[in-house]
Amino acid sequence: MELLELYDNDLRPTGQIVERGQPIPAGLMIPIVAVFIYNNEGKYLIQKVSQQKGGYFATTAGHVKAGERDFTIAMLRELKEELGISVTKSELKLLRIRRYNYKFTMLYMLKSNVPIEMLRLQRDEVDSVQWLSRSEIEQMCNEGLFNKIHYQLLLDCEERLNSLHLKTKH
């Protein structure tokens, strides 16, 4: 049983707990963490979620557990659990916080050139991983294979990456 902490609309903990899968009370929210891992070739590490979890393609993401008030630590935990990747807090860059219905999504980016063979996939969560370009991901999204919310998060990442590149060119 996974317990999730409820937050108000300003992302302040309320002290209330809900079991994952239970309805979220009106006006309250749960935090989610997501990361796009990109490499020197400009490709993103995409995972195919296990069949029992939906079988779709997405980026690495997960729920923040009750008591995990440091969202970056929650993201580090998800990376370690799902992919076997160990990184430091300073390697993760928080891009933005996005609201979807009853969820806050903390969107991170991580630059890594980790070879797929070095990953240790959590089989009950992840079937496979692959490096894909944005256009390949967009095509998968158009075909209904890639999670649409995660695709919007990818566009947020690319917008941020582009703005960072513009700033460094001046």
N, C-alpha and C. Protein backbone atom coordinates (compact mmCIF):
# COMPACT_ATOMS: atom_id res chain seq x y z
N MET A 1 0.85 -1.17 0.00
CA MET A 1 0.00 0.00 0.00
C MET A 1 0.90 1.24 0.00
N GLU A 2 0.68 2.10 -0.99
CA GLU A 2 1.45 3.33 -1.11
C GLU A 2 0.62 4.50 -0.60
N LEU A 3 1.18 5.24 0.35
CA LEU A 3 0.47 6.38 0.93
C LEU A 3 1.01 7.67 0.32
N LEU A 4 0.08 8.57 -0.02
CA LEU A 4 0.43 9.85 -0.63
C LEU A 4 -0.06 10.97 0.27
N GLU A 5 0.76 12.01 0.37
CA GLU A 5 0.39 13.17 1.17
C GLU A 5 -0.40 14.16 0.31
N LEU A 6 -1.40 14.75 0.89
CA LEU A 6 -2.21 15.73 0.19
C LEU A 6 -1.69 17.14 0.45
N TYR A 7 -1.75 17.96 -0.60
CA TYR A 7 -1.27 19.34 -0.54
C TYR A 7 -2.39 20.27 -0.95
N ASP A 8 -2.28 21.54 -0.52
CA ASP A 8 -3.26 22.53 -0.97
C ASP A 8 -2.81 23.08 -2.33
N ASN A 9 -3.57 24.02 -2.88
CA ASN A 9 -3.28 24.56 -4.20
C ASN A 9 -1.98 25.37 -4.26
N ASP A 10 -1.45 25.75 -3.11
CA ASP A 10 -0.18 26.47 -3.07
C ASP A 10 0.99 25.55 -2.76
N LEU A 11 0.76 24.26 -2.90
CA LEU A 11 1.76 23.22 -2.67
C LEU A 11 2.26 23.19 -1.22
N ARG A 12 1.35 23.43 -0.30
CA ARG A 12 1.66 23.32 1.12
C ARG A 12 1.03 22.03 1.63
N PRO A 13 1.81 21.23 2.38
CA PRO A 13 1.25 19.98 2.92
C PRO A 13 0.10 20.26 3.88
N THR A 14 -0.94 19.45 3.78
CA THR A 14 -2.12 19.62 4.64
C THR A 14 -2.07 18.72 5.86
N GLY A 15 -1.16 17.73 5.85
CA GLY A 15 -1.13 16.76 6.94
C GLY A 15 -2.06 15.59 6.70
N GLN A 16 -2.83 15.63 5.61
CA GLN A 16 -3.75 14.55 5.28
C GLN A 16 -3.04 13.54 4.36
N ILE A 17 -3.41 12.28 4.50
CA ILE A 17 -2.83 11.19 3.73
C ILE A 17 -3.95 10.45 3.00
N VAL A 18 -3.63 9.97 1.79
CA VAL A 18 -4.59 9.17 1.04
C VAL A 18 -3.83 7.96 0.48
N GLU A 19 -4.52 6.86 0.37
CA GLU A 19 -3.92 5.67 -0.25
C GLU A 19 -3.93 5.86 -1.76
N ARG A 20 -2.82 5.49 -2.40
CA ARG A 20 -2.75 5.63 -3.86
C ARG A 20 -3.91 4.88 -4.50
N GLY A 21 -4.53 5.52 -5.49
CA GLY A 21 -5.66 4.93 -6.18
C GLY A 21 -7.00 5.38 -5.62
N GLN A 22 -6.98 5.96 -4.43
CA GLN A 22 -8.22 6.48 -3.84
C GLN A 22 -8.49 7.88 -4.41
N PRO A 23 -9.75 8.29 -4.43
CA PRO A 23 -10.08 9.63 -4.95
C PRO A 23 -9.39 10.72 -4.12
N ILE A 24 -8.97 11.77 -4.82
CA ILE A 24 -8.36 12.91 -4.16
C ILE A 24 -9.49 13.89 -3.82
N PRO A 25 -9.60 14.30 -2.56
CA PRO A 25 -10.68 15.22 -2.18
C PRO A 25 -10.60 16.53 -2.97
N ALA A 26 -11.75 17.11 -3.26
CA ALA A 26 -11.82 18.36 -4.02
C ALA A 26 -10.97 19.44 -3.34
N GLY A 27 -10.24 20.18 -4.15
CA GLY A 27 -9.42 21.27 -3.65
C GLY A 27 -8.05 20.85 -3.15
N LEU A 28 -7.78 19.55 -3.14
CA LEU A 28 -6.48 19.07 -2.69
C LEU A 28 -5.75 18.43 -3.86
N MET A 29 -4.43 18.28 -3.70
CA MET A 29 -3.61 17.79 -4.80
C MET A 29 -2.54 16.83 -4.27
N ILE A 30 -1.99 16.02 -5.19
CA ILE A 30 -0.85 15.17 -4.86
C ILE A 30 0.32 15.58 -5.76
N PRO A 31 1.54 15.48 -5.24
CA PRO A 31 2.71 15.80 -6.07
C PRO A 31 3.22 14.57 -6.83
N ILE A 32 3.62 14.83 -8.06
CA ILE A 32 4.22 13.83 -8.95
C ILE A 32 5.57 14.38 -9.37
N VAL A 33 6.55 13.50 -9.58
CA VAL A 33 7.84 13.92 -10.12
C VAL A 33 8.03 13.25 -11.47
N ALA A 34 8.66 13.98 -12.39
CA ALA A 34 8.95 13.45 -13.72
C ALA A 34 10.28 14.04 -14.18
N VAL A 35 11.01 13.25 -14.96
CA VAL A 35 12.31 13.73 -15.46
C VAL A 35 12.47 13.32 -16.92
N PHE A 36 13.02 14.23 -17.70
CA PHE A 36 13.46 13.89 -19.04
C PHE A 36 14.97 13.82 -19.01
N ILE A 37 15.48 12.65 -19.34
CA ILE A 37 16.93 12.42 -19.43
C ILE A 37 17.29 12.60 -20.89
N TYR A 38 18.25 13.49 -21.14
CA TYR A 38 18.67 13.72 -22.52
C TYR A 38 20.18 13.52 -22.63
N ASN A 39 20.62 13.20 -23.85
CA ASN A 39 22.05 12.91 -24.05
C ASN A 39 22.69 13.93 -25.00
N ASN A 40 23.96 13.72 -25.29
CA ASN A 40 24.70 14.63 -26.16
C ASN A 40 24.16 14.67 -27.58
N GLU A 41 23.44 13.64 -27.99
CA GLU A 41 22.86 13.60 -29.33
C GLU A 41 21.50 14.29 -29.39
N GLY A 42 21.03 14.80 -28.25
CA GLY A 42 19.72 15.45 -28.20
C GLY A 42 18.57 14.46 -28.16
N LYS A 43 18.86 13.22 -27.80
CA LYS A 43 17.81 12.21 -27.68
C LYS A 43 17.40 12.06 -26.22
N TYR A 44 16.20 11.53 -26.03
CA TYR A 44 15.63 11.37 -24.70
C TYR A 44 15.50 9.89 -24.36
N LEU A 45 15.77 9.57 -23.10
CA LEU A 45 15.62 8.19 -22.63
C LEU A 45 14.15 7.96 -22.28
N ILE A 46 13.50 7.15 -23.08
CA ILE A 46 12.07 6.90 -22.95
C ILE A 46 11.87 5.46 -22.49
N GLN A 47 10.91 5.26 -21.63
CA GLN A 47 10.64 3.91 -21.16
C GLN A 47 9.25 3.45 -21.58
N LYS A 48 9.18 2.15 -21.81
CA LYS A 48 7.88 1.52 -22.03
C LYS A 48 7.44 1.00 -20.67
N VAL A 49 6.33 1.53 -20.20
CA VAL A 49 5.79 1.14 -18.91
C VAL A 49 5.33 -0.30 -19.00
N SER A 50 5.50 -1.06 -17.92
CA SER A 50 5.12 -2.47 -17.92
C SER A 50 3.65 -2.64 -18.31
N GLN A 51 3.34 -3.81 -18.86
CA GLN A 51 1.97 -4.08 -19.31
C GLN A 51 0.94 -3.94 -18.19
N GLN A 52 1.29 -4.39 -16.98
CA GLN A 52 0.33 -4.30 -15.88
C GLN A 52 0.10 -2.86 -15.44
N LYS A 53 0.98 -1.93 -15.84
CA LYS A 53 0.81 -0.50 -15.53
C LYS A 53 0.28 0.29 -16.72
N GLY A 54 0.02 -0.38 -17.86
CA GLY A 54 -0.57 0.31 -18.99
C GLY A 54 0.10 0.08 -20.33
N GLY A 55 1.38 -0.28 -20.32
CA GLY A 55 2.08 -0.63 -21.56
C GLY A 55 2.35 0.53 -22.50
N TYR A 56 2.18 1.77 -22.06
CA TYR A 56 2.43 2.93 -22.92
C TYR A 56 3.88 3.40 -22.76
N PHE A 57 4.30 4.31 -23.61
CA PHE A 57 5.63 4.90 -23.53
C PHE A 57 5.53 6.23 -22.80
N ALA A 58 6.56 6.54 -22.01
CA ALA A 58 6.56 7.76 -21.21
C ALA A 58 7.99 8.05 -20.76
N THR A 59 8.12 9.09 -19.99
CA THR A 59 9.39 9.36 -19.35
C THR A 59 9.35 8.80 -17.94
N THR A 60 10.45 8.84 -17.23
CA THR A 60 10.50 8.35 -15.87
C THR A 60 9.73 9.30 -14.96
N ALA A 61 8.81 8.76 -14.20
CA ALA A 61 7.97 9.59 -13.33
C ALA A 61 7.43 8.72 -12.20
N GLY A 62 6.91 9.39 -11.19
CA GLY A 62 6.31 8.64 -10.10
C GLY A 62 5.68 9.54 -9.06
N HIS A 63 4.98 8.92 -8.16
CA HIS A 63 4.32 9.63 -7.06
C HIS A 63 5.32 9.95 -5.96
N VAL A 64 5.11 11.08 -5.33
CA VAL A 64 5.87 11.44 -4.14
C VAL A 64 5.18 10.76 -2.97
N LYS A 65 5.93 9.98 -2.22
CA LYS A 65 5.35 9.24 -1.10
C LYS A 65 5.11 10.16 0.09
N ALA A 66 4.17 9.77 0.92
CA ALA A 66 3.88 10.53 2.13
C ALA A 66 5.16 10.68 2.94
N GLY A 67 5.44 11.90 3.38
CA GLY A 67 6.64 12.17 4.17
C GLY A 67 7.83 12.63 3.34
N GLU A 68 7.78 12.45 2.02
CA GLU A 68 8.87 12.90 1.15
C GLU A 68 8.63 14.37 0.79
N ARG A 69 9.08 15.25 1.64
CA ARG A 69 8.83 16.68 1.42
C ARG A 69 9.84 17.29 0.45
N ASP A 70 10.98 16.64 0.27
CA ASP A 70 11.98 17.11 -0.70
C ASP A 70 11.69 16.38 -2.01
N PHE A 71 11.10 17.08 -2.96
CA PHE A 71 10.67 16.45 -4.20
C PHE A 71 11.84 15.96 -5.04
N THR A 72 12.98 16.62 -4.93
CA THR A 72 14.16 16.17 -5.68
C THR A 72 14.61 14.81 -5.17
N ILE A 73 14.53 14.59 -3.88
CA ILE A 73 14.86 13.27 -3.31
C ILE A 73 13.89 12.22 -3.84
N ALA A 74 12.62 12.56 -3.97
CA ALA A 74 11.64 11.63 -4.54
C ALA A 74 12.01 11.29 -5.98
N MET A 75 12.47 12.28 -6.74
CA MET A 75 12.87 12.03 -8.14
C MET A 75 14.10 11.13 -8.18
N LEU A 76 15.06 11.38 -7.30
CA LEU A 76 16.24 10.51 -7.22
C LEU A 76 15.84 9.08 -6.90
N ARG A 77 14.87 8.91 -6.00
CA ARG A 77 14.38 7.58 -5.64
C ARG A 77 13.76 6.89 -6.85
N GLU A 78 12.92 7.60 -7.59
CA GLU A 78 12.29 7.02 -8.78
C GLU A 78 13.33 6.60 -9.82
N LEU A 79 14.33 7.43 -10.05
CA LEU A 79 15.40 7.08 -11.00
C LEU A 79 16.12 5.80 -10.57
N LYS A 80 16.41 5.71 -9.29
CA LYS A 80 17.11 4.53 -8.76
C LYS A 80 16.22 3.29 -8.85
N GLU A 81 14.96 3.42 -8.45
CA GLU A 81 14.06 2.27 -8.45
C GLU A 81 13.77 1.77 -9.87
N GLU A 82 13.39 2.68 -10.76
CA GLU A 82 12.92 2.26 -12.09
C GLU A 82 14.03 1.93 -13.06
N LEU A 83 15.15 2.68 -12.98
CA LEU A 83 16.21 2.53 -13.98
C LEU A 83 17.56 2.10 -13.40
N GLY A 84 17.70 2.16 -12.10
CA GLY A 84 18.99 1.85 -11.50
C GLY A 84 20.01 2.96 -11.66
N ILE A 85 19.55 4.18 -11.93
CA ILE A 85 20.45 5.33 -12.12
C ILE A 85 20.63 6.04 -10.79
N SER A 86 21.89 6.25 -10.41
CA SER A 86 22.21 7.03 -9.22
C SER A 86 22.85 8.34 -9.66
N VAL A 87 22.21 9.44 -9.31
CA VAL A 87 22.76 10.76 -9.59
C VAL A 87 22.64 11.61 -8.33
N THR A 88 23.23 12.78 -8.36
CA THR A 88 23.17 13.68 -7.21
C THR A 88 22.06 14.71 -7.42
N LYS A 89 21.66 15.35 -6.33
CA LYS A 89 20.63 16.38 -6.41
C LYS A 89 21.06 17.50 -7.37
N SER A 90 22.34 17.83 -7.36
CA SER A 90 22.80 18.95 -8.19
C SER A 90 22.75 18.63 -9.69
N GLU A 91 22.70 17.34 -10.05
CA GLU A 91 22.61 16.97 -11.46
C GLU A 91 21.19 17.14 -12.02
N LEU A 92 20.20 17.08 -11.14
CA LEU A 92 18.81 17.26 -11.56
C LEU A 92 18.49 18.75 -11.59
N LYS A 93 17.85 19.18 -12.64
CA LYS A 93 17.45 20.59 -12.78
C LYS A 93 15.92 20.66 -12.80
N LEU A 94 15.35 21.33 -11.81
CA LEU A 94 13.91 21.53 -11.78
C LEU A 94 13.55 22.59 -12.80
N LEU A 95 12.71 22.23 -13.77
CA LEU A 95 12.33 23.17 -14.83
C LEU A 95 11.09 23.96 -14.48
N ARG A 96 10.10 23.25 -14.00
CA ARG A 96 8.85 23.91 -13.70
C ARG A 96 7.95 22.99 -12.90
N ILE A 97 6.91 23.59 -12.37
CA ILE A 97 5.88 22.83 -11.68
C ILE A 97 4.61 23.03 -12.50
N ARG A 98 4.05 21.95 -12.95
CA ARG A 98 2.85 21.99 -13.81
C ARG A 98 1.67 21.43 -13.04
N ARG A 99 0.51 22.01 -13.22
CA ARG A 99 -0.71 21.53 -12.55
C ARG A 99 -1.59 20.82 -13.57
N TYR A 100 -2.05 19.64 -13.20
CA TYR A 100 -3.03 18.87 -13.98
C TYR A 100 -4.10 18.38 -13.03
N ASN A 101 -5.27 18.93 -13.14
CA ASN A 101 -6.39 18.50 -12.30
C ASN A 101 -6.00 18.48 -10.83
N TYR A 102 -5.83 17.32 -10.27
CA TYR A 102 -5.52 17.17 -8.84
C TYR A 102 -4.03 16.84 -8.60
N LYS A 103 -3.18 17.09 -9.60
CA LYS A 103 -1.76 16.76 -9.47
C LYS A 103 -0.87 17.97 -9.74
N PHE A 104 0.20 18.07 -8.96
CA PHE A 104 1.31 18.95 -9.27
C PHE A 104 2.39 18.05 -9.86
N THR A 105 2.95 18.39 -11.00
CA THR A 105 4.07 17.63 -11.53
C THR A 105 5.32 18.48 -11.47
N MET A 106 6.31 18.01 -10.71
CA MET A 106 7.61 18.64 -10.66
C MET A 106 8.42 18.07 -11.82
N LEU A 107 8.73 18.91 -12.78
CA LEU A 107 9.40 18.48 -13.99
C LEU A 107 10.89 18.78 -13.91
N TYR A 108 11.68 17.72 -14.03
CA TYR A 108 13.14 17.84 -13.96
C TYR A 108 13.76 17.47 -15.31
N MET A 109 15.00 17.89 -15.47
CA MET A 109 15.82 17.46 -16.61
C MET A 109 17.13 16.92 -16.04
N LEU A 110 17.69 15.96 -16.77
CA LEU A 110 18.96 15.36 -16.39
C LEU A 110 19.73 15.07 -17.66
N LYS A 111 20.95 15.57 -17.73
CA LYS A 111 21.80 15.24 -18.87
C LYS A 111 22.62 14.02 -18.50
N SER A 112 22.55 12.99 -19.36
CA SER A 112 23.27 11.74 -19.11
C SER A 112 23.45 11.01 -20.43
N ASN A 113 24.58 10.37 -20.55
CA ASN A 113 24.85 9.55 -21.73
C ASN A 113 24.93 8.08 -21.33
N VAL A 114 24.18 7.70 -20.33
CA VAL A 114 24.23 6.33 -19.81
C VAL A 114 23.85 5.34 -20.92
N PRO A 115 24.69 4.32 -21.11
CA PRO A 115 24.33 3.28 -22.08
C PRO A 115 23.16 2.46 -21.54
N ILE A 116 22.25 2.09 -22.41
CA ILE A 116 21.07 1.31 -22.00
C ILE A 116 21.47 0.02 -21.30
N GLU A 117 22.58 -0.57 -21.75
CA GLU A 117 23.02 -1.84 -21.14
C GLU A 117 23.40 -1.67 -19.67
N MET A 118 23.68 -0.46 -19.24
CA MET A 118 24.08 -0.21 -17.85
C MET A 118 22.89 -0.03 -16.91
N LEU A 119 21.70 0.08 -17.47
CA LEU A 119 20.51 0.31 -16.65
C LEU A 119 20.00 -0.99 -16.04
N ARG A 120 19.44 -0.88 -14.84
CA ARG A 120 18.80 -2.01 -14.17
C ARG A 120 17.32 -1.68 -14.02
N LEU A 121 16.53 -2.22 -14.95
CA LEU A 121 15.11 -1.88 -15.00
C LEU A 121 14.31 -2.61 -13.93
N GLN A 122 13.40 -1.89 -13.31
CA GLN A 122 12.46 -2.48 -12.36
C GLN A 122 11.34 -3.10 -13.18
N ARG A 123 11.37 -4.42 -13.34
CA ARG A 123 10.51 -5.11 -14.30
C ARG A 123 9.01 -4.96 -14.04
N ASP A 124 8.60 -4.74 -12.80
CA ASP A 124 7.17 -4.56 -12.58
C ASP A 124 6.72 -3.13 -12.94
N GLU A 125 7.68 -2.26 -13.24
CA GLU A 125 7.37 -0.88 -13.65
C GLU A 125 7.73 -0.60 -15.11
N VAL A 126 8.87 -1.16 -15.56
CA VAL A 126 9.44 -0.79 -16.86
C VAL A 126 9.73 -2.03 -17.69
N ASP A 127 9.16 -2.10 -18.91
CA ASP A 127 9.46 -3.21 -19.82
C ASP A 127 10.77 -3.01 -20.57
N SER A 128 10.98 -1.77 -21.07
CA SER A 128 12.18 -1.50 -21.87
C SER A 128 12.43 0.00 -21.90
N VAL A 129 13.62 0.36 -22.37
CA VAL A 129 13.98 1.77 -22.56
C VAL A 129 14.67 1.92 -23.90
N GLN A 130 14.62 3.14 -24.42
CA GLN A 130 15.32 3.45 -25.66
C GLN A 130 15.57 4.95 -25.75
N TRP A 131 16.61 5.31 -26.49
CA TRP A 131 16.89 6.72 -26.77
C TRP A 131 16.14 7.11 -28.03
N LEU A 132 15.32 8.17 -27.94
CA LEU A 132 14.52 8.61 -29.08
C LEU A 132 14.64 10.12 -29.27
N SER A 133 14.52 10.55 -30.52
CA SER A 133 14.49 11.98 -30.82
C SER A 133 13.10 12.53 -30.52
N ARG A 134 13.00 13.84 -30.44
CA ARG A 134 11.71 14.45 -30.20
C ARG A 134 10.72 14.13 -31.31
N SER A 135 11.19 14.10 -32.56
CA SER A 135 10.27 13.80 -33.66
C SER A 135 9.76 12.36 -33.57
N GLU A 136 10.61 11.44 -33.13
CA GLU A 136 10.16 10.05 -32.95
C GLU A 136 9.11 9.96 -31.83
N ILE A 137 9.34 10.72 -30.77
CA ILE A 137 8.38 10.74 -29.65
C ILE A 137 7.07 11.36 -30.10
N GLU A 138 7.17 12.45 -30.86
CA GLU A 138 5.96 13.10 -31.37
C GLU A 138 5.13 12.14 -32.24
N GLN A 139 5.81 11.38 -33.08
CA GLN A 139 5.11 10.40 -33.92
C GLN A 139 4.42 9.35 -33.06
N MET A 140 5.11 8.87 -32.03
CA MET A 140 4.51 7.88 -31.13
C MET A 140 3.30 8.47 -30.42
N CYS A 141 3.39 9.75 -30.04
CA CYS A 141 2.26 10.41 -29.38
C CYS A 141 1.08 10.50 -30.33
N ASN A 142 1.35 10.87 -31.58
CA ASN A 142 0.28 10.98 -32.58
C ASN A 142 -0.38 9.62 -32.85
N GLU A 143 0.37 8.55 -32.67
CA GLU A 143 -0.15 7.20 -32.86
C GLU A 143 -0.82 6.65 -31.60
N GLY A 144 -0.83 7.45 -30.52
CA GLY A 144 -1.46 7.02 -29.28
C GLY A 144 -0.60 6.09 -28.45
N LEU A 145 0.70 6.00 -28.75
CA LEU A 145 1.59 5.09 -28.03
C LEU A 145 2.33 5.78 -26.87
N PHE A 146 2.49 7.09 -26.98
CA PHE A 146 3.24 7.85 -25.97
C PHE A 146 2.25 8.67 -25.14
N ASN A 147 2.43 8.68 -23.84
CA ASN A 147 1.56 9.40 -22.91
C ASN A 147 1.48 10.88 -23.30
N LYS A 148 0.26 11.38 -23.56
CA LYS A 148 0.07 12.75 -24.04
C LYS A 148 0.51 13.81 -23.02
N ILE A 149 0.27 13.57 -21.75
CA ILE A 149 0.71 14.53 -20.73
C ILE A 149 2.24 14.57 -20.70
N HIS A 150 2.87 13.42 -20.82
CA HIS A 150 4.34 13.39 -20.83
C HIS A 150 4.89 14.07 -22.07
N TYR A 151 4.16 13.99 -23.18
CA TYR A 151 4.60 14.70 -24.38
C TYR A 151 4.56 16.21 -24.14
N GLN A 152 3.53 16.70 -23.47
CA GLN A 152 3.48 18.12 -23.14
C GLN A 152 4.64 18.50 -22.23
N LEU A 153 4.99 17.62 -21.30
CA LEU A 153 6.15 17.87 -20.44
C LEU A 153 7.43 17.94 -21.27
N LEU A 154 7.54 17.09 -22.28
CA LEU A 154 8.69 17.13 -23.17
C LEU A 154 8.78 18.48 -23.88
N LEU A 155 7.65 18.99 -24.35
CA LEU A 155 7.65 20.30 -25.00
C LEU A 155 8.11 21.39 -24.02
N ASP A 156 7.71 21.27 -22.75
CA ASP A 156 8.19 22.20 -21.73
C ASP A 156 9.71 22.12 -21.60
N CYS A 157 10.24 20.90 -21.61
CA CYS A 157 11.70 20.70 -21.51
C CYS A 157 12.40 21.34 -22.69
N GLU A 158 11.89 21.10 -23.87
CA GLU A 158 12.55 21.64 -25.06
C GLU A 158 12.49 23.16 -25.07
N GLU A 159 11.38 23.72 -24.62
CA GLU A 159 11.27 25.18 -24.53
C GLU A 159 12.34 25.72 -23.59
N ARG A 160 12.51 25.05 -22.45
CA ARG A 160 13.51 25.47 -21.46
C ARG A 160 14.92 25.30 -22.01
N LEU A 161 15.18 24.17 -22.65
CA LEU A 161 16.51 23.95 -23.24
C LEU A 161 16.83 25.02 -24.28
N ASN A 162 15.86 25.33 -25.12
CA ASN A 162 16.07 26.36 -26.13
C ASN A 162 16.36 27.71 -25.50
N SER A 163 15.65 28.06 -24.43
CA SER A 163 15.89 29.35 -23.79
C SER A 163 17.26 29.37 -23.12
N LEU A 164 17.70 28.25 -22.59
CA LEU A 164 19.04 28.19 -21.99
C LEU A 164 20.11 28.36 -23.06
N HIS A 165 19.91 27.74 -24.23
CA HIS A 165 20.88 27.88 -25.32
C HIS A 165 20.92 29.31 -25.82
N LEU A 166 19.78 29.98 -25.88
CA LEU A 166 19.75 31.38 -26.31
C LEU A 166 20.51 32.27 -25.34
N LYS A 167 20.35 32.00 -24.05
CA LYS A 167 21.04 32.80 -23.03
C LYS A 167 22.55 32.63 -23.09
N THR A 168 23.00 31.40 -23.38
CA THR A 168 24.45 31.15 -23.40
C THR A 168 25.10 31.67 -24.67
N LYS A 169 24.30 31.95 -25.72
CA LYS A 169 24.87 32.46 -26.96
C LYS A 169 25.10 33.96 -26.90
N HIS A 170 24.50 34.65 -25.95
CA HIS A 170 24.63 36.12 -25.85
C HIS A 170 25.82 36.52 -25.04
